[in-house]
Protein backbone atom coordinates (compact mmCIF):
# COMPACT_ATOMS: atom_id res chain seq x y z
CA MET A 1 0.00 0.00 0.00
CA VAL A 2 2.99 2.26 0.56
CA MET A 3 4.04 1.83 -3.07
CA GLN A 4 0.88 1.50 -5.15
CA VAL A 5 -0.27 5.14 -5.22
CA PRO A 6 3.18 6.78 -5.53
CA LEU A 7 3.92 4.39 -8.40
CA ALA A 8 0.60 5.14 -10.11
CA GLY A 9 1.41 8.84 -9.89
CA GLN A 10 4.85 8.23 -11.38
CA MET A 11 3.38 6.17 -14.21
CA LEU A 12 1.07 9.07 -15.08
CA SER A 13 3.92 11.56 -14.86
CA ASP A 14 6.08 9.40 -17.15
CA LEU A 15 3.28 9.73 -19.71
CA GLY A 16 3.41 13.51 -19.47
CA ALA A 17 0.98 14.40 -16.70
CA ARG A 18 1.92 17.15 -14.28
CA VAL A 19 1.93 15.47 -10.88
CA ILE A 20 2.13 17.46 -7.65
CA LYS A 21 2.84 15.24 -4.68
CA VAL A 22 1.30 16.55 -1.47
CA GLU A 23 3.22 15.31 1.56
CA ARG A 24 2.92 15.82 5.27
CA LEU A 25 5.36 18.09 7.09
CA PRO A 26 8.85 16.67 7.86
CA PRO A 27 9.77 13.87 7.66
CA GLY A 28 7.35 13.68 4.72
CA GLU A 29 5.94 10.49 3.27
CA ILE A 30 7.09 7.15 4.66
CA LEU A 31 9.14 6.19 1.58
CA ARG A 32 11.59 8.95 2.50
CA THR A 33 12.41 7.24 5.80
CA LEU A 34 12.30 3.51 4.98
CA ASP A 35 15.84 3.25 3.60
CA PRO A 36 18.19 2.59 6.57
CA ILE A 37 21.36 3.20 4.53
CA ALA A 38 20.13 6.60 3.36
CA LEU A 39 19.12 7.52 6.90
CA GLU A 40 22.60 6.66 8.15
CA GLN A 41 24.29 8.58 5.34
CA GLY A 42 21.88 11.51 5.37
CA GLY A 43 21.02 11.10 1.69
CA MET A 44 17.85 10.58 -0.31
CA SER A 45 16.04 7.30 0.22
CA ALA A 46 16.52 4.78 -2.60
CA TYR A 47 12.83 3.90 -2.29
CA TYR A 48 11.79 7.51 -2.75
CA ALA A 49 14.22 7.95 -5.64
CA ALA A 50 12.69 4.91 -7.35
CA LEU A 51 9.16 6.36 -7.14
CA GLY A 52 9.75 10.10 -7.06
CA ARG A 53 10.79 11.17 -10.55
CA ASN A 54 8.70 13.61 -12.59
CA LYS A 55 6.80 14.93 -9.56
CA GLU A 56 6.73 18.26 -7.78
CA SER A 57 6.78 18.16 -3.98
CA VAL A 58 4.47 20.29 -1.85
CA SER A 59 4.47 19.83 1.93
CA LEU A 60 1.27 20.74 3.82
CA ASP A 61 -0.36 20.19 7.19
CA LEU A 62 -3.87 19.22 6.11
CA LYS A 63 -5.16 19.58 9.66
CA THR A 64 -4.66 23.35 9.55
CA ALA A 65 -7.10 25.79 7.97
CA ALA A 66 -4.40 27.11 5.66
CA GLY A 67 -3.37 23.62 4.57
CA LYS A 68 -6.97 22.72 3.78
CA ASP A 69 -7.48 25.95 1.85
CA ILE A 70 -4.37 25.33 -0.23
CA LEU A 71 -5.42 21.80 -1.14
CA MET A 72 -8.92 22.95 -2.08
CA LYS A 73 -7.44 25.55 -4.43
CA MET A 74 -5.34 22.83 -6.03
CA VAL A 75 -8.42 20.65 -6.51
CA GLU A 76 -10.30 23.45 -8.29
CA SER A 77 -8.07 23.13 -11.34
CA ALA A 78 -6.94 19.52 -11.00
CA ASP A 79 -7.86 16.61 -13.26
CA VAL A 80 -7.14 13.88 -10.73
CA VAL A 81 -6.85 13.47 -6.97
CA LEU A 82 -4.99 10.32 -6.00
CA HIS A 83 -4.53 8.97 -2.46
CA ASN A 84 -4.05 5.79 -0.42
CA PHE A 85 -5.59 6.70 2.94
CA ARG A 86 -7.77 4.14 4.69
CA PRO A 87 -11.55 4.46 4.20
CA GLY A 88 -12.94 7.46 6.09
CA VAL A 89 -9.68 9.37 6.61
CA MET A 90 -10.08 11.80 3.72
CA GLU A 91 -13.76 12.21 4.57
CA ARG A 92 -12.89 13.22 8.14
CA LEU A 93 -10.41 15.75 6.79
CA GLY A 94 -13.09 17.19 4.52
CA PHE A 95 -11.62 15.84 1.28
CA GLY A 96 -13.95 12.94 0.48
CA TYR A 97 -15.18 12.44 -3.08
CA GLU A 98 -18.59 13.97 -2.39
CA GLU A 99 -17.00 17.19 -1.13
CA LEU A 100 -14.43 17.52 -3.89
CA GLU A 101 -16.94 16.62 -6.59
CA LYS A 102 -19.04 19.62 -5.54
CA LEU A 103 -16.00 21.86 -5.92
CA ASN A 104 -14.88 20.33 -9.23
CA PRO A 105 -17.47 18.10 -10.97
CA ARG A 106 -14.83 16.94 -13.48
CA ILE A 107 -12.49 15.58 -10.83
CA VAL A 108 -11.34 11.97 -11.12
CA TYR A 109 -10.97 10.80 -7.52
CA ALA A 110 -8.66 7.78 -7.40
CA VAL A 111 -8.03 5.67 -4.31
CA GLY A 112 -5.76 2.71 -3.65
CA TYR A 113 -6.99 0.70 -0.67
CA ALA A 114 -5.45 -2.25 1.11
CA PHE A 115 -8.43 -4.59 1.44
CA GLY A 116 -11.21 -2.56 -0.23
CA ASP A 117 -13.51 0.18 1.07
CA VAL A 118 -16.10 -2.13 2.67
CA GLY A 119 -16.02 -5.36 4.63
CA PRO A 120 -14.61 -6.39 8.02
CA MET A 121 -11.00 -5.64 6.99
CA ALA A 122 -11.59 -2.33 5.20
CA HIS A 123 -10.08 -0.22 7.98
CA MET A 124 -7.07 -2.45 8.62
CA PRO A 125 -3.59 -1.29 7.58
CA GLY A 126 -2.26 -3.11 4.55
CA GLN A 127 0.98 -4.06 2.85
CA ASP A 128 1.97 -6.16 -0.15
CA MET A 129 2.96 -9.26 1.84
CA LEU A 130 -0.29 -9.11 3.81
CA ALA A 131 -2.20 -9.16 0.52
CA GLN A 132 -0.13 -12.13 -0.65
CA ALA A 133 -0.96 -13.94 2.57
CA TYR A 134 -4.68 -13.17 2.75
CA SER A 135 -5.38 -13.77 -0.96
CA GLY A 136 -3.92 -17.27 -1.02
CA LEU A 137 -0.97 -16.29 -3.19
CA ALA A 138 1.52 -17.22 -0.47
CA ARG A 139 0.17 -20.79 -0.59
CA SER A 140 -0.48 -20.98 -4.32
CA GLY A 141 0.75 -24.24 -5.79
CA LEU A 142 1.67 -25.64 -2.39
CA SER A 143 0.20 -28.57 -0.50
CA ASP A 144 -1.36 -27.99 2.91
CA ASP A 145 1.74 -29.27 4.73
CA GLN A 146 4.18 -26.99 2.90
CA LYS A 147 5.42 -23.70 4.33
CA PRO A 148 3.87 -20.62 2.66
CA ASN A 149 6.13 -18.64 0.38
CA LEU A 150 6.18 -14.82 0.16
CA ALA A 151 7.59 -13.07 -2.91
CA ASN A 152 10.49 -10.79 -2.02
CA SER A 153 9.49 -8.03 -4.47
CA PRO A 154 6.24 -6.10 -3.83
CA TYR A 155 4.67 -7.18 -7.10
CA ILE A 156 1.10 -6.84 -5.82
CA ASP A 157 1.82 -3.18 -5.12
CA TYR A 158 3.15 -2.90 -8.66
CA LEU A 159 0.15 -4.60 -10.25
CA THR A 160 -2.22 -2.48 -8.18
CA ALA A 161 -0.49 0.67 -9.40
CA LEU A 162 -0.97 -0.52 -12.98
CA THR A 163 -4.65 -1.22 -12.30
CA LEU A 164 -5.18 2.17 -10.68
CA THR A 165 -3.45 3.94 -13.56
CA GLN A 166 -5.67 2.07 -16.01
CA GLY A 167 -8.77 3.14 -14.09
CA ILE A 168 -7.68 6.78 -13.98
CA LEU A 169 -7.04 6.89 -17.73
CA ALA A 170 -10.37 5.18 -18.42
CA ALA A 171 -12.20 7.74 -16.27
CA ILE A 172 -10.47 10.62 -18.07
CA VAL A 173 -11.48 9.21 -21.47
CA GLU A 174 -15.08 8.76 -20.27
CA ARG A 175 -15.08 12.33 -18.93
CA GLU A 176 -14.38 13.61 -22.43
CA ARG A 177 -17.75 12.17 -23.43
CA SER A 178 -19.84 12.95 -20.34
CA GLY A 179 -18.09 16.01 -18.93
CA LYS A 180 -18.20 14.43 -15.48
CA GLY A 181 -15.57 12.88 -13.25
CA GLN A 182 -16.02 9.85 -11.02
CA LYS A 183 -14.44 7.86 -8.23
CA VAL A 184 -11.94 5.17 -9.19
CA SER A 185 -10.73 2.62 -6.67
CA THR A 186 -8.93 -0.67 -6.36
CA SER A 187 -7.03 -2.51 -3.64
CA LEU A 188 -4.06 -4.74 -3.01
CA LEU A 189 -6.40 -7.60 -2.18
CA ALA A 190 -8.44 -7.18 -5.37
CA THR A 191 -5.27 -7.28 -7.43
CA ALA A 192 -3.86 -10.26 -5.55
CA VAL A 193 -7.06 -12.23 -6.11
CA SER A 194 -7.25 -11.16 -9.76
CA ALA A 195 -3.66 -12.26 -10.32
CA GLN A 196 -4.91 -15.81 -9.69
CA ILE A 197 -7.46 -15.68 -12.51
CA LEU A 198 -6.44 -19.05 -13.99
CA GLU A 199 -6.03 -20.78 -10.65
CA ALA A 200 -9.43 -19.56 -9.42
CA ALA A 201 -11.14 -20.82 -12.58
CA THR A 202 -9.57 -24.26 -12.19
CA LEU A 203 -10.61 -24.38 -8.54
CA SER A 204 -14.17 -23.28 -9.31
CA MET A 205 -14.73 -25.51 -12.33
CA HIS A 206 -12.76 -28.62 -11.39
CA GLY A 207 -12.27 -28.37 -7.64
CA LYS A 208 -8.51 -28.65 -8.05
CA ARG A 209 -5.57 -26.43 -7.21
CA THR A 210 -3.10 -25.39 -9.91
CA SER A 211 0.63 -25.84 -9.41
CA TRP A 212 2.68 -24.36 -12.24
CA SER A 213 5.92 -25.29 -10.50
CA LYS A 214 5.10 -28.96 -11.03
CA GLN A 215 5.82 -28.36 -14.72
CA SER A 216 9.31 -27.04 -14.05
CA ILE A 217 12.79 -28.35 -13.31
CA LEU A 218 15.32 -26.20 -11.46
CA LEU A 219 18.86 -27.51 -11.72
CA PRO A 220 22.24 -26.12 -10.61
CA THR A 221 24.81 -25.66 -13.37
CA SER A 222 28.57 -25.28 -13.01
CA ASP A 223 28.16 -21.52 -12.58
CA GLY A 224 24.54 -20.90 -11.62
CA TRP A 225 21.06 -22.30 -12.15
CA VAL A 226 18.79 -23.12 -15.07
CA LEU A 227 14.98 -23.36 -15.24
CA ILE A 228 13.44 -25.85 -17.67
CA LEU A 229 9.69 -25.93 -18.38
CA THR A 230 7.48 -28.66 -19.82
CA LEU A 231 4.66 -26.25 -20.73
CA PHE A 232 3.21 -25.92 -24.26
CA ARG A 233 5.14 -28.85 -25.71
CA ASP A 234 3.75 -32.33 -26.51
CA ASN A 235 7.02 -34.12 -25.79
CA PRO A 236 9.39 -31.74 -23.97
CA LEU A 237 11.54 -34.59 -22.67
CA GLN A 238 12.53 -35.57 -26.19
CA GLY A 239 13.90 -32.07 -26.76
CA MET A 240 15.80 -32.16 -23.47
CA CYS A 241 17.44 -35.45 -24.39
CA ARG A 242 18.47 -34.20 -27.82
CA ALA A 243 19.89 -31.05 -26.21
CA PHE A 244 22.15 -33.09 -23.93
CA ASP A 245 23.00 -35.84 -26.43
CA ILE A 246 21.51 -38.67 -24.40
CA GLU A 247 19.08 -41.45 -25.25
CA ASP A 248 15.47 -40.44 -25.79
CA LEU A 249 13.95 -41.05 -22.36
CA SER A 250 10.48 -40.34 -23.71
CA LYS A 251 10.57 -43.78 -25.34
CA LYS A 252 10.54 -45.34 -21.89
CA GLU A 253 7.05 -46.37 -20.80
CA GLN A 254 7.13 -44.32 -17.59
CA PHE A 255 7.78 -41.10 -19.60
CA SER A 256 5.85 -41.92 -22.79
CA THR A 257 3.22 -39.17 -22.49
CA HIS A 258 3.29 -35.52 -21.47
CA ALA A 259 1.24 -36.31 -18.37
CA LEU A 260 3.69 -39.03 -17.34
CA GLN A 261 6.63 -36.68 -17.93
CA VAL A 262 5.07 -34.03 -15.67
CA ALA A 263 4.35 -36.65 -13.02
CA GLY A 264 7.94 -37.90 -13.23
CA LEU A 265 9.74 -34.56 -13.36
CA GLN A 266 11.59 -35.20 -10.11
CA GLU A 267 13.04 -38.41 -11.53
CA ILE A 268 13.81 -36.70 -14.85
CA GLY A 269 15.60 -33.94 -12.98
CA SER A 270 17.71 -36.52 -11.17
CA LEU A 271 18.68 -38.11 -14.50
CA LEU A 272 19.63 -34.77 -16.06
CA ALA A 273 21.40 -33.34 -13.01
CA PRO A 274 24.82 -35.05 -13.52
CA ILE A 275 24.99 -33.56 -17.03
CA VAL A 276 23.68 -30.09 -16.21
CA ASN A 277 25.75 -29.77 -13.02
CA ASN A 278 28.95 -29.89 -15.09
CA MET A 279 27.76 -27.52 -17.81
CA ALA A 280 27.88 -23.71 -17.84
CA THR A 281 24.49 -22.02 -17.67
CA ALA A 282 24.92 -20.27 -21.02
CA GLU A 283 25.74 -23.54 -22.81
CA CYS A 284 22.84 -25.31 -21.13
CA VAL A 285 20.37 -22.62 -22.20
CA SER A 286 21.81 -22.54 -25.72
CA ARG A 287 21.45 -26.30 -26.15
CA LEU A 288 17.88 -26.37 -24.85
CA SER A 289 16.81 -23.34 -26.86
CA LYS A 290 18.03 -24.92 -30.10
CA GLU A 291 15.65 -27.80 -29.39
CA ASP A 292 12.78 -25.37 -28.69
CA VAL A 293 12.63 -26.31 -25.01
CA LEU A 294 11.40 -23.48 -22.79
CA CYS A 295 14.25 -22.50 -20.49
CA SER A 296 16.04 -19.59 -18.86
CA PRO A 297 19.04 -18.86 -16.71
CA VAL A 298 17.99 -18.11 -13.13
CA ASN A 299 19.61 -14.71 -12.75
CA THR A 300 20.31 -12.54 -9.78
CA LEU A 301 18.96 -9.00 -10.07
CA GLU A 302 22.51 -7.81 -10.74
CA GLU A 303 22.84 -10.26 -13.62
CA ALA A 304 19.43 -9.35 -15.04
CA ILE A 305 19.96 -5.59 -15.13
CA ASP A 306 23.43 -6.05 -16.61
CA SER A 307 22.17 -8.33 -19.38
CA GLU A 308 22.09 -7.22 -23.02
CA GLN A 309 18.37 -8.00 -23.23
CA VAL A 310 17.54 -5.51 -20.49
CA LYS A 311 20.02 -2.92 -21.77
CA GLN A 312 18.94 -3.01 -25.41
CA ASN A 313 15.27 -2.68 -24.46
CA GLU A 314 16.13 0.30 -22.23
CA MET A 315 14.36 -1.12 -19.19
CA LEU A 316 16.51 0.99 -16.87
CA TRP A 317 16.77 4.77 -17.03
CA ASP A 318 19.58 7.03 -15.90
CA VAL A 319 18.08 9.35 -13.28
CA ASP A 320 19.85 12.21 -11.53
CA VAL A 321 19.30 11.62 -7.81
CA PRO A 322 20.24 14.51 -5.49
CA GLY A 323 23.42 13.64 -3.65
CA TYR A 324 24.15 10.57 -5.79
CA GLY A 325 24.48 11.87 -9.34
CA SER A 326 23.29 9.71 -12.23
CA VAL A 327 21.80 6.44 -11.01
CA ARG A 328 20.33 3.56 -13.02
CA LEU A 329 16.76 3.03 -11.89
CA VAL A 330 13.91 0.93 -13.26
CA GLY A 331 12.06 2.86 -15.95
CA ASN A 332 8.51 2.49 -17.21
CA PRO A 333 7.78 -0.82 -18.98
CA LEU A 334 5.55 0.91 -21.54
CA ASN A 335 6.88 2.04 -24.93
CA LEU A 336 5.14 4.58 -27.17
CA SER A 337 6.49 5.07 -30.70
CA ARG A 338 5.38 8.67 -31.34
CA THR A 339 5.26 10.14 -27.83
CA PRO A 340 7.99 8.34 -25.89
CA LEU A 341 8.01 8.44 -22.12
CA ARG A 342 10.52 10.77 -20.55
CA ILE A 343 12.23 12.04 -17.43
CA ALA A 344 11.20 15.65 -16.87
CA THR A 345 12.36 16.24 -13.30
CA VAL A 346 14.58 14.48 -10.79
CA PRO A 347 13.20 13.21 -7.44
CA ARG A 348 12.54 16.26 -5.29
CA HIS A 349 13.45 17.13 -1.76
CA LEU A 350 10.51 17.48 0.63
CA GLY A 351 8.62 20.71 -0.08
CA GLU A 352 11.01 21.77 -2.81
CA ASP A 353 8.17 23.12 -4.95
CA THR A 354 5.88 24.44 -2.20
CA GLN A 355 6.64 28.11 -2.80
CA ASP A 356 6.30 27.95 -6.58
CA VAL A 357 3.01 26.03 -6.48
CA LEU A 358 1.47 28.33 -3.87
CA ARG A 359 2.42 31.43 -5.83
CA GLU A 360 0.97 29.83 -8.95
CA LEU A 361 -2.28 29.38 -7.01
CA GLY A 362 -2.32 33.12 -6.37
CA PHE A 363 -0.98 33.36 -2.82
CA PRO A 364 1.24 36.44 -2.32
CA ALA A 365 4.83 35.86 -1.21
CA GLU A 366 4.17 37.32 2.24
CA THR A 367 1.18 35.01 2.74
CA VAL A 368 3.26 32.01 1.74
CA GLU A 369 5.86 33.00 4.31
CA GLU A 370 3.13 33.36 6.95
CA PHE A 371 1.97 29.84 6.11
CA ARG A 372 5.48 28.56 6.73
CA SER A 373 5.89 30.51 9.98
CA SER A 374 2.62 29.11 11.30
CA GLY A 375 3.60 25.53 10.43
CA ALA A 376 0.96 25.06 7.74
CA VAL A 377 3.51 24.42 4.98
CA HIS A 378 7.13 23.38 4.65
CA TYR A 379 9.81 24.43 2.20
């Protein structure tokens, strides 16, 4: 939940939207303080740098009259309001959809929840791993006696940001027809459940759980690991045997069909291991690929981002991060041929744009300074 809304805002800003990030007074949003190395060194958080490009930073105390007035003035001319507060928080502050819609009927009011806006868990705090756990993802493909497995990367946060961005863009397109805005919402839980679209269908229609890992072999090589899949091939074992110049094991009765090969993957892995263990990963992948067997090296993140495939597809962008210079960070996975995505601004310090935005809203310089002196704003 910490990541989904900041990432959605960044995705929109990558596409060219002007995004003004409204943060609380120091220390600002939580992403600025989650990086222990940055805190020790006194530099910008890596987490904030990853999600902070192309945004202006305004720091307000929304519990003050001045802070509320400033935000309302921003809403008057805004296209979208985007937040990830729990249900009821924005309403108590006076910034619920009903209130803002009266002020600006064209506003698209987008919310990223943890567990949804209704139900017994609606008001509970949320996080990516909690969504993995509650949705069943942490036990997907596992038997009841196996330990649950949590993904290390917050991919539910990422998918939820994509979903929220999609909803915002859809609401903007619809507004061009109707002239009216609307509320857009999603949640980590909704995304985590939706990510299991195939597994849920199998469970509902056949009463069985799906285990994709049962169609895979993971084997150590002489310098790493290789993943081999049996998916989408009638006789994948035949291709594996040709790749490693061994007898065709698929001619044996116990491996004569695809179903039998999947059922016997553990034994097949044991038969292939002595060969693969003494072979470099690159050679192993090359041999299997020539036989049209689905396979991949099992890379570390360092190996992945340094690979030619990632480099040539420009999946990482060089971003100027204050205090660090040019840093390679993950870019936007979308490519547009005529209007390419871009980096307009570097990640900002807390409140770096407060003065400029307030003056743009029509507040005189002396009033802006009064706001700062009273603790309503920070810059």
